[in-house]
Amino acid sequence: MKTFRLLDTPPMTAAENMALDEALLELKGRGRTPNTIRFLQFSPRAILVGFHQSVAEEVRTEYCRDQGIQINRRVTGGGAIFFDESQLGWEVICDKGFFGLPYANDKLSRKLCDPVINALARWGIQAAFRPRNDIEIGGRKISGTGGTESDDAFLFQGTILVEFDVDTMVRALRIPVEKLEAKEIESFRERVTCLAWELGHTPPLGEIKDAVRTGFEKGLGIELKPGGLTEGEERLFQEKLEYFRSQEWIDQVKCDVPKAEAVQAAYKAEAGIVRFTLVIDPERKRLKDAYITGDFLSFPSRALHDLQSVLRGAPLDCDRVRGIIQDFFDQGRIRVPGMSCRDFLKPLDDAFEKIAVLSVRDGNTQV
């Protein structure tokens, strides 16, 4: 039976939690730190946008500032989440060889959600895995998960909603219209739940951690031994902390271009939203820039930045741009669990249709 470290960190700020995630994953990828299950909490409250999301598009920043809610960015993809002091986060930082998988897929998501499903059974709760990467109770979400990778390691993380402040979450997040079905705006309580609602009381935190710990030991066939940070982890964590506190990191994905210069289109696939923002130069018939944002997961973590770099300066020709994106997927330079290249091409096509309309309106029929 293999041994994993159980790293139970105290409540930390959003920047501290994100910096530690990056440090643990980076060192695990180099084989310089043990396989780890980590418990994490946040204090003060925080909004965390996904790695590919824009803060301006997802968060009501003035409200968060007034309420003392921190804003930061995860190292993993997915959607923006509200993390208050009551919620418990869990993470698996592990070498890929343990799972026998070269890259993350739906099978891995299910395998790493099952231990939490089994943990919830301690209270007689019948939870189930909902593809792509959620855990639900009677159709209502209680845990969302996501992951990323570095060299030979995976980081897979999730939350357990212990209590849930719906009102604050709704006020703090800009809920994209594309994500909502016709009547779903009326009540988030119909789509989300938490332990307190399911049980009628809030279990002690120690009891919840013990249930999750047992779930992972049985589910992965491992033994968890409590341990702290190594000297190398602590040193790298401190080195990274300033950057994860910076606006450079938090606003890494920005689409703050004048509306007159940009065309935007979005597509809601089953696995998430893909949004294209194209900044055009009609005179030179080029893309000045291209931003691809959304709540999807992608591997490797830099793949989307690389794709956007190649698109920058590309001819203002839909077929040419489609070809660049298709090549990225065909060559395996980007992997998006639950999505295909076709899901990325749909909003691209819509954006170019808008460009065509604008060109006719402005009399530039050559674009």
Protein backbone atom coordinates (compact mmCIF):
# COMPACT_ATOMS: atom_id res chain seq x y z
CA MET A 1 0.00 0.00 0.00
CA LYS A 2 1.41 3.38 -1.01
CA THR A 3 1.66 6.22 1.46
CA PHE A 4 0.52 9.77 0.69
CA ARG A 5 1.12 12.81 2.84
CA LEU A 6 -1.96 14.41 4.39
CA LEU A 7 -1.29 18.15 4.32
CA ASP A 8 -3.90 19.96 6.41
CA THR A 9 -3.11 23.63 5.97
CA PRO A 10 -4.77 26.31 8.14
CA PRO A 11 -7.12 28.91 6.63
CA MET A 12 -5.11 31.08 4.24
CA THR A 13 -5.67 34.05 1.97
CA ALA A 14 -6.56 33.46 -1.66
CA ALA A 15 -3.06 34.44 -2.82
CA GLU A 16 -1.44 32.12 -0.27
CA ASN A 17 -3.57 29.16 -1.31
CA MET A 18 -2.89 29.74 -5.01
CA ALA A 19 0.86 30.23 -4.49
CA LEU A 20 1.04 27.01 -2.48
CA ASP A 21 -0.87 25.12 -5.18
CA GLU A 22 1.65 26.24 -7.78
CA ALA A 23 4.64 25.41 -5.56
CA LEU A 24 3.37 21.92 -4.67
CA LEU A 25 2.52 21.06 -8.27
CA GLU A 26 5.79 22.39 -9.66
CA LEU A 27 7.90 20.41 -7.20
CA LYS A 28 5.78 17.27 -7.62
CA GLY A 29 6.28 17.57 -11.39
CA ARG A 30 10.03 17.46 -10.80
CA GLY A 31 9.70 14.50 -8.42
CA ARG A 32 10.92 16.56 -5.46
CA THR A 33 7.90 16.33 -3.16
CA PRO A 34 5.65 13.48 -1.95
CA ASN A 35 2.26 12.49 -3.31
CA THR A 36 -0.17 14.57 -1.28
CA ILE A 37 -3.80 14.98 -0.28
CA ARG A 38 -4.32 18.55 0.90
CA PHE A 39 -7.16 20.17 2.87
CA LEU A 40 -7.50 23.92 2.37
CA GLN A 41 -9.70 26.75 3.57
CA PHE A 42 -9.91 30.46 2.82
CA SER A 43 -9.91 33.46 5.11
CA PRO A 44 -11.07 36.06 4.29
CA ARG A 45 -13.76 35.12 1.77
CA ALA A 46 -12.67 35.01 -1.85
CA ILE A 47 -13.84 34.82 -5.43
CA LEU A 48 -11.58 32.62 -7.55
CA VAL A 49 -11.86 32.87 -11.32
CA GLY A 50 -10.75 29.96 -13.47
CA PHE A 51 -7.38 30.07 -15.19
CA HIS A 52 -8.93 31.04 -18.56
CA GLN A 53 -11.44 33.58 -17.25
CA SER A 54 -11.40 37.37 -17.20
CA VAL A 55 -12.08 39.00 -13.83
CA ALA A 56 -13.94 41.86 -15.54
CA GLU A 57 -16.28 39.40 -17.27
CA GLU A 58 -16.95 37.20 -14.24
CA VAL A 59 -16.77 39.30 -11.06
CA ARG A 60 -18.54 42.35 -9.65
CA THR A 61 -15.33 43.89 -8.42
CA GLU A 62 -16.85 46.92 -6.65
CA TYR A 63 -19.18 44.73 -4.61
CA CYS A 64 -16.31 42.43 -3.63
CA ARG A 65 -14.14 45.37 -2.61
CA ASP A 66 -16.93 46.87 -0.48
CA GLN A 67 -17.60 43.51 1.21
CA GLY A 68 -13.96 42.62 1.83
CA ILE A 69 -14.08 39.66 -0.56
CA GLN A 70 -10.70 38.92 -2.11
CA ILE A 71 -10.36 38.21 -5.83
CA ASN A 72 -7.78 35.85 -7.24
CA ARG A 73 -7.15 33.37 -10.05
CA ARG A 74 -6.82 29.60 -9.83
CA VAL A 75 -4.04 27.62 -11.48
CA THR A 76 -6.80 25.31 -12.75
CA GLY A 77 -9.50 25.97 -15.34
CA GLY A 78 -13.24 25.92 -14.79
CA GLY A 79 -15.68 28.56 -13.66
CA ALA A 80 -15.52 31.28 -11.04
CA ILE A 81 -16.41 30.19 -7.50
CA PHE A 82 -17.19 31.88 -4.21
CA PHE A 83 -15.19 30.45 -1.32
CA ASP A 84 -16.20 31.53 2.20
CA GLU A 85 -14.73 30.44 5.52
CA SER A 86 -17.15 27.52 5.91
CA GLN A 87 -16.17 25.63 2.77
CA LEU A 88 -13.61 22.86 2.68
CA GLY A 89 -11.31 22.40 -0.29
CA TRP A 90 -9.44 19.19 -1.06
CA GLU A 91 -6.64 18.51 -3.49
CA VAL A 92 -4.71 15.57 -4.90
CA ILE A 93 -1.14 16.39 -5.98
CA CYS A 94 0.24 13.20 -7.44
CA ASP A 95 2.59 11.80 -10.06
CA LYS A 96 0.88 10.70 -13.26
CA GLY A 97 2.35 7.24 -12.97
CA PHE A 98 0.18 6.48 -9.95
CA PHE A 99 -2.92 6.57 -12.18
CA GLY A 100 -1.21 5.14 -15.26
CA LEU A 101 -2.47 8.08 -17.34
CA PRO A 102 -0.36 10.42 -19.49
CA TYR A 103 -2.99 13.17 -19.27
CA ALA A 104 -6.21 14.00 -17.45
CA ASN A 105 -9.53 12.72 -18.81
CA ASP A 106 -13.09 12.01 -17.69
CA LYS A 107 -12.04 8.64 -16.26
CA LEU A 108 -9.61 10.36 -13.90
CA SER A 109 -12.24 12.91 -12.86
CA ARG A 110 -14.64 10.14 -11.88
CA LYS A 111 -11.94 8.21 -10.00
CA LEU A 112 -11.02 11.26 -7.95
CA CYS A 113 -14.63 12.25 -7.24
CA ASP A 114 -15.62 8.78 -5.98
CA PRO A 115 -13.75 9.16 -2.64
CA VAL A 116 -15.77 12.30 -1.83
CA ILE A 117 -19.00 10.58 -2.89
CA ASN A 118 -18.14 7.78 -0.46
CA ALA A 119 -17.33 10.33 2.23
CA LEU A 120 -20.79 11.86 1.92
CA ALA A 121 -22.30 8.41 2.42
CA ARG A 122 -21.15 8.59 6.07
CA TRP A 123 -24.18 10.83 6.70
CA GLY A 124 -26.51 8.70 4.58
CA ILE A 125 -26.24 11.12 1.65
CA GLN A 126 -26.58 9.50 -1.78
CA ALA A 127 -24.31 11.55 -4.01
CA ALA A 128 -23.33 10.81 -7.61
CA PHE A 129 -20.76 11.86 -10.19
CA ARG A 130 -22.06 14.23 -12.86
CA PRO A 131 -19.90 14.47 -15.98
CA ARG A 132 -17.76 16.39 -16.67
CA ASN A 133 -16.47 16.94 -13.15
CA ASP A 134 -19.16 17.66 -10.56
CA ILE A 135 -20.68 15.80 -7.61
CA GLU A 136 -24.42 16.14 -7.15
CA ILE A 137 -27.14 15.15 -4.71
CA GLY A 138 -30.54 14.65 -6.29
CA GLY A 139 -29.49 16.76 -9.28
CA ARG A 140 -28.08 19.58 -7.13
CA LYS A 141 -24.37 20.33 -7.15
CA ILE A 142 -22.44 20.02 -3.88
CA SER A 143 -18.91 19.86 -5.27
CA GLY A 144 -17.17 21.17 -8.35
CA THR A 145 -13.75 19.94 -9.36
CA GLY A 146 -10.94 20.83 -11.73
CA GLY A 147 -7.33 20.08 -12.46
CA THR A 148 -4.10 20.93 -14.16
CA GLU A 149 -0.70 19.35 -14.71
CA SER A 150 3.02 20.10 -14.65
CA ASP A 151 5.62 17.78 -16.15
CA ASP A 152 4.97 14.36 -14.57
CA ALA A 153 2.33 15.47 -12.05
CA PHE A 154 -1.39 16.16 -11.78
CA LEU A 155 -3.15 18.56 -9.45
CA PHE A 156 -6.85 17.75 -9.04
CA GLN A 157 -8.96 19.83 -6.67
CA GLY A 158 -12.51 20.18 -5.47
CA THR A 159 -14.70 21.67 -2.79
CA ILE A 160 -17.36 20.50 -0.41
CA LEU A 161 -20.07 23.07 0.17
CA VAL A 162 -20.56 22.84 3.93
CA GLU A 163 -22.74 25.96 4.16
CA PHE A 164 -23.71 28.19 1.24
CA ASP A 165 -24.31 31.94 1.18
CA VAL A 166 -26.32 32.15 -2.05
CA ASP A 167 -27.09 35.86 -1.78
CA THR A 168 -23.44 36.88 -1.50
CA MET A 169 -22.38 34.60 -4.34
CA VAL A 170 -25.03 35.99 -6.71
CA ARG A 171 -24.05 39.56 -5.89
CA ALA A 172 -20.31 38.87 -6.22
CA LEU A 173 -20.38 37.05 -9.57
CA ARG A 174 -21.51 38.18 -13.00
CA ILE A 175 -23.49 35.12 -14.02
CA PRO A 176 -23.07 34.69 -17.81
CA VAL A 177 -26.40 34.58 -19.58
CA GLU A 178 -25.11 31.72 -21.75
CA LYS A 179 -24.85 29.47 -18.69
CA LEU A 180 -28.47 29.78 -17.63
CA GLU A 181 -31.45 27.91 -18.96
CA ALA A 182 -34.74 29.81 -19.31
CA LYS A 183 -36.03 29.52 -15.75
CA GLU A 184 -32.84 28.78 -13.86
CA ILE A 185 -32.14 32.40 -12.99
CA GLU A 186 -34.98 32.31 -10.46
CA SER A 187 -33.25 30.19 -7.87
CA PHE A 188 -29.77 28.83 -7.37
CA ARG A 189 -31.12 26.75 -4.53
CA GLU A 190 -32.71 24.49 -7.14
CA ARG A 191 -29.28 23.70 -8.62
CA VAL A 192 -26.89 23.83 -5.67
CA THR A 193 -26.92 22.29 -2.20
CA CYS A 194 -24.65 21.95 0.84
CA LEU A 195 -24.17 19.70 3.83
CA ALA A 196 -26.07 22.02 6.15
CA TRP A 197 -29.14 21.99 3.90
CA GLU A 198 -29.02 18.23 3.39
CA LEU A 199 -28.58 17.36 7.07
CA GLY A 200 -30.36 20.21 8.80
CA HIS A 201 -27.18 20.94 10.75
CA THR A 202 -23.49 21.59 10.10
CA PRO A 203 -21.18 18.70 11.00
CA PRO A 204 -17.95 19.60 12.86
CA LEU A 205 -15.10 20.34 10.48
CA GLY A 206 -12.98 17.57 11.97
CA GLU A 207 -15.71 15.05 11.21
CA ILE A 208 -15.91 16.19 7.59
CA LYS A 209 -12.15 15.95 7.14
CA ASP A 210 -12.11 12.47 8.67
CA ALA A 211 -14.81 11.32 6.26
CA VAL A 212 -12.93 12.69 3.23
CA ARG A 213 -9.66 11.24 4.47
CA THR A 214 -11.21 7.78 4.83
CA GLY A 215 -12.82 8.13 1.40
CA PHE A 216 -9.47 8.79 -0.27
CA GLU A 217 -7.67 6.04 1.61
CA LYS A 218 -10.25 3.46 0.54
CA GLY A 219 -10.88 4.87 -2.92
CA LEU A 220 -7.22 5.11 -3.94
CA GLY A 221 -5.93 2.21 -1.85
CA ILE A 222 -3.47 4.42 0.01
CA GLU A 223 -2.47 5.27 3.56
CA LEU A 224 -2.48 8.93 4.55
CA LYS A 225 0.11 10.15 7.03
CA PRO A 226 -0.09 13.73 8.37
CA GLY A 227 2.88 15.90 7.46
CA GLY A 228 3.89 19.50 7.00
CA LEU A 229 5.62 21.41 4.23
CA THR A 230 9.19 20.50 3.34
CA GLU A 231 11.88 23.18 3.43
CA GLY A 232 11.88 23.25 -0.37
CA GLU A 233 8.10 23.69 -0.55
CA GLU A 234 8.13 26.46 2.04
CA ARG A 235 10.93 28.26 0.23
CA LEU A 236 9.28 28.06 -3.20
CA PHE A 237 5.92 29.05 -1.72
CA GLN A 238 7.43 32.21 -0.24
CA GLU A 239 9.17 32.98 -3.55
CA LYS A 240 5.89 32.74 -5.47
CA LEU A 241 3.67 34.55 -2.99
CA GLU A 242 4.36 38.10 -4.16
CA TYR A 243 3.45 37.23 -7.75
CA PHE A 244 0.18 35.58 -6.74
CA ARG A 245 -0.74 38.72 -4.81
CA SER A 246 -0.08 40.89 -7.87
CA GLN A 247 -2.56 42.33 -10.35
CA GLU A 248 -0.35 40.86 -13.07
CA TRP A 249 -1.49 37.39 -11.98
CA ILE A 250 -5.05 38.25 -11.03
CA ASP A 251 -5.70 40.14 -14.30
CA GLN A 252 -3.64 37.77 -16.44
CA VAL A 253 -6.63 37.31 -18.77
CA LYS A 254 -7.87 40.73 -19.87
CA CYS A 255 -10.12 41.72 -22.74
CA ASP A 256 -10.23 45.44 -21.98
CA VAL A 257 -10.18 46.65 -25.57
CA PRO A 258 -12.49 49.31 -27.02
CA LYS A 259 -15.75 47.75 -28.18
CA ALA A 260 -15.35 49.48 -31.53
CA GLU A 261 -12.22 47.42 -32.19
CA ALA A 262 -13.46 44.06 -30.91
CA VAL A 263 -15.94 41.41 -31.98
CA GLN A 264 -17.10 38.84 -29.46
CA ALA A 265 -19.01 35.58 -29.70
CA ALA A 266 -19.64 32.75 -27.24
CA TYR A 267 -20.76 29.13 -27.43
CA LYS A 268 -22.11 27.03 -24.56
CA ALA A 269 -21.03 23.42 -24.93
CA GLU A 270 -21.94 20.70 -22.45
CA ALA A 271 -18.49 20.97 -20.85
CA GLY A 272 -18.49 24.75 -20.54
CA ILE A 273 -18.48 28.12 -22.28
CA VAL A 274 -15.97 29.15 -24.94
CA ARG A 275 -15.79 32.88 -25.66
CA PHE A 276 -13.80 34.48 -28.49
CA THR A 277 -12.89 38.16 -28.46
CA LEU A 278 -11.23 39.17 -31.73
CA VAL A 279 -9.52 42.54 -32.04
CA ILE A 280 -9.37 43.37 -35.73
CA ASP A 281 -7.35 45.63 -37.99
CA PRO A 282 -9.59 45.98 -41.08
CA GLU A 283 -7.12 48.14 -42.99
CA ARG A 284 -4.31 45.57 -42.75
CA LYS A 285 -6.81 42.69 -42.81
CA ARG A 286 -5.23 41.14 -39.73
CA LEU A 287 -6.15 40.05 -36.23
CA LYS A 288 -4.54 42.49 -33.82
CA ASP A 289 -5.24 40.09 -31.01
CA ALA A 290 -7.38 37.13 -30.04
CA TYR A 291 -8.63 36.27 -26.55
CA ILE A 292 -10.14 32.86 -25.80
CA THR A 293 -11.80 32.75 -22.39
CA GLY A 294 -14.27 30.50 -20.61
CA ASP A 295 -14.90 28.04 -17.81
CA PHE A 296 -13.37 24.98 -19.46
CA LEU A 297 -10.35 22.92 -18.42
CA SER A 298 -7.39 22.65 -20.77
CA PHE A 299 -4.06 20.84 -20.78
CA PRO A 300 -1.23 21.70 -20.71
CA SER A 301 -1.84 24.90 -18.79
CA ARG A 302 0.07 27.10 -21.26
CA ALA A 303 -1.63 25.69 -24.36
CA LEU A 304 -4.25 28.39 -24.66
CA HIS A 305 -1.69 31.17 -24.30
CA ASP A 306 0.37 29.54 -27.04
CA LEU A 307 -2.66 29.32 -29.33
CA GLN A 308 -3.54 32.97 -28.76
CA SER A 309 0.05 33.97 -29.55
CA VAL A 310 -0.12 32.17 -32.90
CA LEU A 311 -3.47 33.79 -33.72
CA ARG A 312 -2.11 37.26 -32.99
CA GLY A 313 -1.37 38.90 -36.34
CA ALA A 314 -3.02 36.14 -38.37
CA PRO A 315 -4.80 37.06 -41.64
CA LEU A 316 -8.39 38.22 -41.18
CA ASP A 317 -9.61 35.09 -42.95
CA CYS A 318 -11.94 32.65 -41.24
CA ASP A 319 -10.61 29.57 -43.05
CA ARG A 320 -6.99 30.45 -42.19
CA VAL A 321 -7.80 31.01 -38.52
CA ARG A 322 -9.88 27.84 -38.40
CA GLY A 323 -6.91 25.95 -39.80
CA ILE A 324 -4.60 27.25 -37.07
CA ILE A 325 -6.98 26.11 -34.34
CA GLN A 326 -7.61 22.76 -36.02
CA ASP A 327 -3.86 22.12 -36.25
CA PHE A 328 -3.43 22.81 -32.53
CA PHE A 329 -6.02 20.16 -31.68
CA ASP A 330 -4.85 17.66 -34.32
CA GLN A 331 -1.24 17.92 -33.13
CA GLY A 332 -2.25 17.40 -29.50
CA ARG A 333 -0.90 20.79 -28.50
CA ILE A 334 -4.11 21.45 -26.57
CA ARG A 335 -6.53 19.06 -24.87
CA VAL A 336 -9.89 20.17 -23.48
CA PRO A 337 -11.73 17.41 -21.58
CA GLY A 338 -15.31 17.12 -22.79
CA MET A 339 -14.75 19.41 -25.77
CA SER A 340 -13.53 19.01 -29.32
CA CYS A 341 -12.08 21.46 -31.78
CA ARG A 342 -15.58 21.89 -33.18
CA ASP A 343 -16.71 23.52 -29.91
CA PHE A 344 -14.00 26.16 -30.39
CA LEU A 345 -14.80 26.71 -34.06
CA LYS A 346 -18.47 27.50 -33.46
CA PRO A 347 -17.92 30.82 -31.63
CA LEU A 348 -15.09 31.61 -34.04
CA ASP A 349 -17.45 31.25 -37.00
CA ASP A 350 -20.02 33.45 -35.23
CA ALA A 351 -17.37 36.11 -34.63
CA PHE A 352 -16.36 36.14 -38.29
CA GLU A 353 -20.00 36.42 -39.34
CA LYS A 354 -20.21 39.55 -37.19
CA ILE A 355 -17.01 40.85 -38.80
CA ALA A 356 -18.57 40.29 -42.24
CA VAL A 357 -21.66 42.27 -41.24
CA LEU A 358 -19.53 45.11 -39.92
CA SER A 359 -17.41 45.19 -43.07
CA VAL A 360 -20.50 45.50 -45.29
CA ARG A 361 -21.95 48.18 -43.04
CA ASP A 362 -18.69 50.18 -43.18
CA GLY A 363 -18.29 49.68 -46.91
CA ASN A 364 -15.16 47.54 -46.57
CA THR A 365 -16.25 44.61 -48.73
CA GLN A 366 -12.72 43.28 -49.01
CA VAL A 367 -12.51 42.17 -45.36
